[in-house]
């Protein structure tokens, strides 16, 4: 099945294991159970998109600004279950605590398939190196399609007013 982008995820932000913050990069963890059908459609891997955070699931409650993001769907290092982990790569993000808030994630494309990394210092070093490459690729994807991204951002912003 061919995926038609953009794809929209929504869900509560969950507290993760803290491995991203302590060993790799901080992430916003969205409840994967709210997105089972979409996750099944996309499969595992790393993707690029925009993230909005709100206090509730009401689209009227979202921040007006969407943050450039790279996110992973799959079994993350140190986890036994499927995760949906978002790395906000936007310089304008203040790093506020998002736990127990609600996220709205617009996926614009796939960067790569999932890779396996060991739960070790060496594994996390390799993961950090791969994340840098993924972030670079995401910036290029989003910049190469800036008019497409701007249109998506505008459309989603219209929904959140």
C-alpha atoms as a PDB file:
ATOM      1  CA  UNK A   1       0.000   0.000   0.000  1.00  0.00           C
ATOM      2  CA  UNK A   2       1.321   3.434  -0.959  1.00  0.00           C
ATOM      3  CA  UNK A   3       1.199   6.005   1.822  1.00  0.00           C
ATOM      4  CA  UNK A   4      -0.449   9.312   0.950  1.00  0.00           C
ATOM      5  CA  UNK A   5       1.260  12.135   2.827  1.00  0.00           C
ATOM      6  CA  UNK A   6       0.561  14.144   4.895  1.00  0.00           C
ATOM      7  CA  UNK A   7      -0.536  11.794   7.689  1.00  0.00           C
ATOM      8  CA  UNK A   8      -1.937  13.164  10.928  1.00  0.00           C
ATOM      9  CA  UNK A   9      -1.290  11.659  14.385  1.00  0.00           C
ATOM     10  CA  UNK A  10      -2.993  12.811  17.579  1.00  0.00           C
ATOM     11  CA  UNK A  11      -2.582  11.645  21.141  1.00  0.00           C
ATOM     12  CA  UNK A  12      -1.691  12.272  24.730  1.00  0.00           C
ATOM     13  CA  UNK A  13       1.959  12.947  25.545  1.00  0.00           C
ATOM     14  CA  UNK A  14       3.255  10.171  27.792  1.00  0.00           C
ATOM     15  CA  UNK A  15       6.248  10.081  30.100  1.00  0.00           C
ATOM     16  CA  UNK A  16       8.911   7.832  28.585  1.00  0.00           C
ATOM     17  CA  UNK A  17      11.734   5.925  30.236  1.00  0.00           C
ATOM     18  CA  UNK A  18      14.006   8.976  30.149  1.00  0.00           C
ATOM     19  CA  UNK A  19      16.588   7.269  27.928  1.00  0.00           C
ATOM     20  CA  UNK A  20      16.258   9.908  25.198  1.00  0.00           C
ATOM     21  CA  UNK A  21      16.966  12.743  27.610  1.00  0.00           C
ATOM     22  CA  UNK A  22      19.828  10.992  29.383  1.00  0.00           C
ATOM     23  CA  UNK A  23      21.505   9.039  26.552  1.00  0.00           C
ATOM     24  CA  UNK A  24      20.530  10.468  23.155  1.00  0.00           C
ATOM     25  CA  UNK A  25      18.105  13.371  22.567  1.00  0.00           C
ATOM     26  CA  UNK A  26      15.000  14.419  24.500  1.00  0.00           C
ATOM     27  CA  UNK A  27      11.750  13.253  22.929  1.00  0.00           C
ATOM     28  CA  UNK A  28       8.044  13.924  23.174  1.00  0.00           C
ATOM     29  CA  UNK A  29       6.381  10.504  23.445  1.00  0.00           C
ATOM     30  CA  UNK A  30       2.903  10.297  21.910  1.00  0.00           C
ATOM     31  CA  UNK A  31       0.564   7.484  22.937  1.00  0.00           C
ATOM     32  CA  UNK A  32       0.899   4.942  20.101  1.00  0.00           C
ATOM     33  CA  UNK A  33      -2.387   3.250  21.087  1.00  0.00           C
ATOM     34  CA  UNK A  34      -4.250   6.336  19.805  1.00  0.00           C
ATOM     35  CA  UNK A  35      -2.743   5.836  16.355  1.00  0.00           C
ATOM     36  CA  UNK A  36      -2.706   2.085  15.709  1.00  0.00           C
ATOM     37  CA  UNK A  37      -4.251   2.250  12.216  1.00  0.00           C
ATOM     38  CA  UNK A  38      -1.893   5.005  11.039  1.00  0.00           C
ATOM     39  CA  UNK A  39       1.145   3.275  12.525  1.00  0.00           C
ATOM     40  CA  UNK A  40       0.143   0.091  10.762  1.00  0.00           C
ATOM     41  CA  UNK A  41      -0.178   2.010   7.490  1.00  0.00           C
ATOM     42  CA  UNK A  42       3.235   3.734   7.791  1.00  0.00           C
ATOM     43  CA  UNK A  43       5.189   0.937   9.420  1.00  0.00           C
ATOM     44  CA  UNK A  44       8.300   1.477  11.494  1.00  0.00           C
ATOM     45  CA  UNK A  45      10.960   4.015  10.639  1.00  0.00           C
ATOM     46  CA  UNK A  46      11.992   7.635  10.995  1.00  0.00           C
ATOM     47  CA  UNK A  47       9.855  10.448   9.587  1.00  0.00           C
ATOM     48  CA  UNK A  48       9.789  14.261   9.261  1.00  0.00           C
ATOM     49  CA  UNK A  49       6.933  16.562  10.173  1.00  0.00           C
ATOM     50  CA  UNK A  50       5.441  19.308  12.307  1.00  0.00           C
ATOM     51  CA  UNK A  51       4.349  19.007  15.956  1.00  0.00           C
ATOM     52  CA  UNK A  52       1.778  21.078  17.836  1.00  0.00           C
ATOM     53  CA  UNK A  53       1.229  20.800  21.603  1.00  0.00           C
ATOM     54  CA  UNK A  54      -2.012  21.637  23.415  1.00  0.00           C
ATOM     55  CA  UNK A  55      -3.449  21.388  26.910  1.00  0.00           C
ATOM     56  CA  UNK A  56      -6.390  19.265  25.678  1.00  0.00           C
ATOM     57  CA  UNK A  57      -7.455  17.391  22.553  1.00  0.00           C
ATOM     58  CA  UNK A  58      -9.419  20.448  21.369  1.00  0.00           C
ATOM     59  CA  UNK A  59      -7.846  21.865  18.222  1.00  0.00           C
ATOM     60  CA  UNK A  60      -8.693  25.316  19.596  1.00  0.00           C
ATOM     61  CA  UNK A  61      -6.207  24.694  22.399  1.00  0.00           C
ATOM     62  CA  UNK A  62      -3.052  24.176  20.304  1.00  0.00           C
ATOM     63  CA  UNK A  63      -0.139  26.552  20.074  1.00  0.00           C
ATOM     64  CA  UNK A  64      -0.244  28.513  16.854  1.00  0.00           C
ATOM     65  CA  UNK A  65       3.285  27.457  15.928  1.00  0.00           C
ATOM     66  CA  UNK A  66       4.116  24.000  14.650  1.00  0.00           C
ATOM     67  CA  UNK A  67       7.618  22.782  15.423  1.00  0.00           C
ATOM     68  CA  UNK A  68       9.858  21.090  12.860  1.00  0.00           C
ATOM     69  CA  UNK A  69      10.318  17.512  14.038  1.00  0.00           C
ATOM     70  CA  UNK A  70      11.883  14.145  13.360  1.00  0.00           C
ATOM     71  CA  UNK A  71      10.023  11.179  14.800  1.00  0.00           C
ATOM     72  CA  UNK A  72      10.467   7.456  15.207  1.00  0.00           C
ATOM     73  CA  UNK A  73       7.849   4.740  15.058  1.00  0.00           C
ATOM     74  CA  UNK A  74       8.950   1.330  16.288  1.00  0.00           C
ATOM     75  CA  UNK A  75      10.607  -0.462  19.167  1.00  0.00           C
ATOM     76  CA  UNK A  76      13.078   2.083  20.549  1.00  0.00           C
ATOM     77  CA  UNK A  77      16.330   1.236  22.325  1.00  0.00           C
ATOM     78  CA  UNK A  78      15.563  -0.024  25.839  1.00  0.00           C
ATOM     79  CA  UNK A  79      11.847  -0.534  25.133  1.00  0.00           C
ATOM     80  CA  UNK A  80       9.830  -3.711  24.752  1.00  0.00           C
ATOM     81  CA  UNK A  81       6.794  -2.120  23.107  1.00  0.00           C
ATOM     82  CA  UNK A  82       6.072   0.124  20.151  1.00  0.00           C
ATOM     83  CA  UNK A  83       6.794   3.830  20.664  1.00  0.00           C
ATOM     84  CA  UNK A  84       6.017   7.049  18.811  1.00  0.00           C
ATOM     85  CA  UNK A  85       8.866   9.385  19.836  1.00  0.00           C
ATOM     86  CA  UNK A  86       9.227  12.924  18.501  1.00  0.00           C
ATOM     87  CA  UNK A  87      12.500  14.867  18.483  1.00  0.00           C
ATOM     88  CA  UNK A  88      11.710  18.578  18.079  1.00  0.00           C
ATOM     89  CA  UNK A  89      14.462  20.013  15.862  1.00  0.00           C
ATOM     90  CA  UNK A  90      13.052  23.534  15.698  1.00  0.00           C
ATOM     91  CA  UNK A  91      15.301  26.188  17.290  1.00  0.00           C
ATOM     92  CA  UNK A  92      12.232  28.127  18.457  1.00  0.00           C
ATOM     93  CA  UNK A  93      11.109  25.314  20.808  1.00  0.00           C
ATOM     94  CA  UNK A  94      11.629  26.360  24.433  1.00  0.00           C
ATOM     95  CA  UNK A  95      11.895  22.812  25.816  1.00  0.00           C
ATOM     96  CA  UNK A  96       8.827  23.094  28.037  1.00  0.00           C
ATOM     97  CA  UNK A  97       7.474  20.009  29.797  1.00  0.00           C
ATOM     98  CA  UNK A  98       4.813  18.479  27.563  1.00  0.00           C
ATOM     99  CA  UNK A  99       3.861  15.486  29.716  1.00  0.00           C
ATOM    100  CA  UNK A 100       0.112  14.911  30.046  1.00  0.00           C
ATOM    101  CA  UNK A 101      -0.572  17.445  27.299  1.00  0.00           C
ATOM    102  CA  UNK A 102      -1.965  16.568  23.895  1.00  0.00           C
ATOM    103  CA  UNK A 103       0.007  16.392  20.629  1.00  0.00           C
ATOM    104  CA  UNK A 104      -0.968  16.886  17.045  1.00  0.00           C
ATOM    105  CA  UNK A 105       1.747  15.534  14.666  1.00  0.00           C
ATOM    106  CA  UNK A 106       1.671  16.045  10.911  1.00  0.00           C
ATOM    107  CA  UNK A 107       3.929  13.610   9.047  1.00  0.00           C
ATOM    108  CA  UNK A 108       5.168  14.900   5.687  1.00  0.00           C
ATOM    109  CA  UNK A 109       7.457  12.034   4.681  1.00  0.00           C
ATOM    110  CA  UNK A 110       9.653   9.090   5.584  1.00  0.00           C
ATOM    111  CA  UNK A 111      13.380   9.585   6.119  1.00  0.00           C
ATOM    112  CA  UNK A 112      14.440   5.937   6.488  1.00  0.00           C
ATOM    113  CA  UNK A 113      13.502   2.494   7.752  1.00  0.00           C
ATOM    114  CA  UNK A 114      14.162   1.565  11.371  1.00  0.00           C
ATOM    115  CA  UNK A 115      17.690   0.606  12.395  1.00  0.00           C
ATOM    116  CA  UNK A 116      18.520  -1.423  15.489  1.00  0.00           C
ATOM    117  CA  UNK A 117      20.866   0.027  18.120  1.00  0.00           C
ATOM    118  CA  UNK A 118      22.171  -1.796  21.181  1.00  0.00           C
ATOM    119  CA  UNK A 119      21.253  -0.627  24.683  1.00  0.00           C
ATOM    120  CA  UNK A 120      24.879   0.245  25.534  1.00  0.00           C
ATOM    121  CA  UNK A 121      27.130   3.306  25.576  1.00  0.00           C
ATOM    122  CA  UNK A 122      28.430   2.358  22.125  1.00  0.00           C
ATOM    123  CA  UNK A 123      24.895   1.774  20.850  1.00  0.00           C
ATOM    124  CA  UNK A 124      23.735   5.186  22.089  1.00  0.00           C
ATOM    125  CA  UNK A 125      26.816   6.845  20.542  1.00  0.00           C
ATOM    126  CA  UNK A 126      25.891   5.308  17.180  1.00  0.00           C
ATOM    127  CA  UNK A 127      22.261   6.343  17.696  1.00  0.00           C
ATOM    128  CA  UNK A 128      23.256   9.971  18.402  1.00  0.00           C
ATOM    129  CA  UNK A 129      25.340   9.956  15.210  1.00  0.00           C
ATOM    130  CA  UNK A 130      22.394   8.575  13.207  1.00  0.00           C
ATOM    131  CA  UNK A 131      20.016  11.139  14.746  1.00  0.00           C
ATOM    132  CA  UNK A 132      22.301  13.960  13.537  1.00  0.00           C
ATOM    133  CA  UNK A 133      22.098  12.521  10.031  1.00  0.00           C
ATOM    134  CA  UNK A 134      18.300  12.156  10.300  1.00  0.00           C
ATOM    135  CA  UNK A 135      17.947  15.770  11.472  1.00  0.00           C
ATOM    136  CA  UNK A 136      20.031  16.974   8.522  1.00  0.00           C
ATOM    137  CA  UNK A 137      17.905  14.932   6.125  1.00  0.00           C
ATOM    138  CA  UNK A 138      14.696  16.240   7.699  1.00  0.00           C
ATOM    139  CA  UNK A 139      15.821  19.854   7.323  1.00  0.00           C
ATOM    140  CA  UNK A 140      16.607  19.216   3.645  1.00  0.00           C
ATOM    141  CA  UNK A 141      13.256  17.479   3.095  1.00  0.00           C
ATOM    142  CA  UNK A 142      11.341  20.313   4.695  1.00  0.00           C
ATOM    143  CA  UNK A 143      13.421  23.051   3.028  1.00  0.00           C
ATOM    144  CA  UNK A 144      13.194  21.398  -0.403  1.00  0.00           C
ATOM    145  CA  UNK A 145       9.425  21.428   0.003  1.00  0.00           C
ATOM    146  CA  UNK A 146       9.098  24.735   1.824  1.00  0.00           C
ATOM    147  CA  UNK A 147       5.975  25.812  -0.072  1.00  0.00           C
ATOM    148  CA  UNK A 148       4.398  22.420   0.643  1.00  0.00           C
ATOM    149  CA  UNK A 149       5.402  22.686   4.307  1.00  0.00           C
ATOM    150  CA  UNK A 150       4.148  26.255   4.559  1.00  0.00           C
ATOM    151  CA  UNK A 151       0.811  25.228   3.044  1.00  0.00           C
ATOM    152  CA  UNK A 152       0.504  22.365   5.532  1.00  0.00           C
ATOM    153  CA  UNK A 153       1.464  24.625   8.408  1.00  0.00           C
ATOM    154  CA  UNK A 154      -1.082  27.220   7.316  1.00  0.00           C
ATOM    155  CA  UNK A 155      -3.816  24.594   6.880  1.00  0.00           C
ATOM    156  CA  UNK A 156      -3.202  23.081  10.291  1.00  0.00           C
ATOM    157  CA  UNK A 157      -2.989  26.517  11.890  1.00  0.00           C
ATOM    158  CA  UNK A 158      -6.415  27.283  10.409  1.00  0.00           C
ATOM    159  CA  UNK A 159      -7.742  24.155  12.130  1.00  0.00           C
ATOM    160  CA  UNK A 160      -6.314  25.243  15.460  1.00  0.00           C
ATOM    161  CA  UNK A 161      -7.941  28.675  15.646  1.00  0.00           C
END
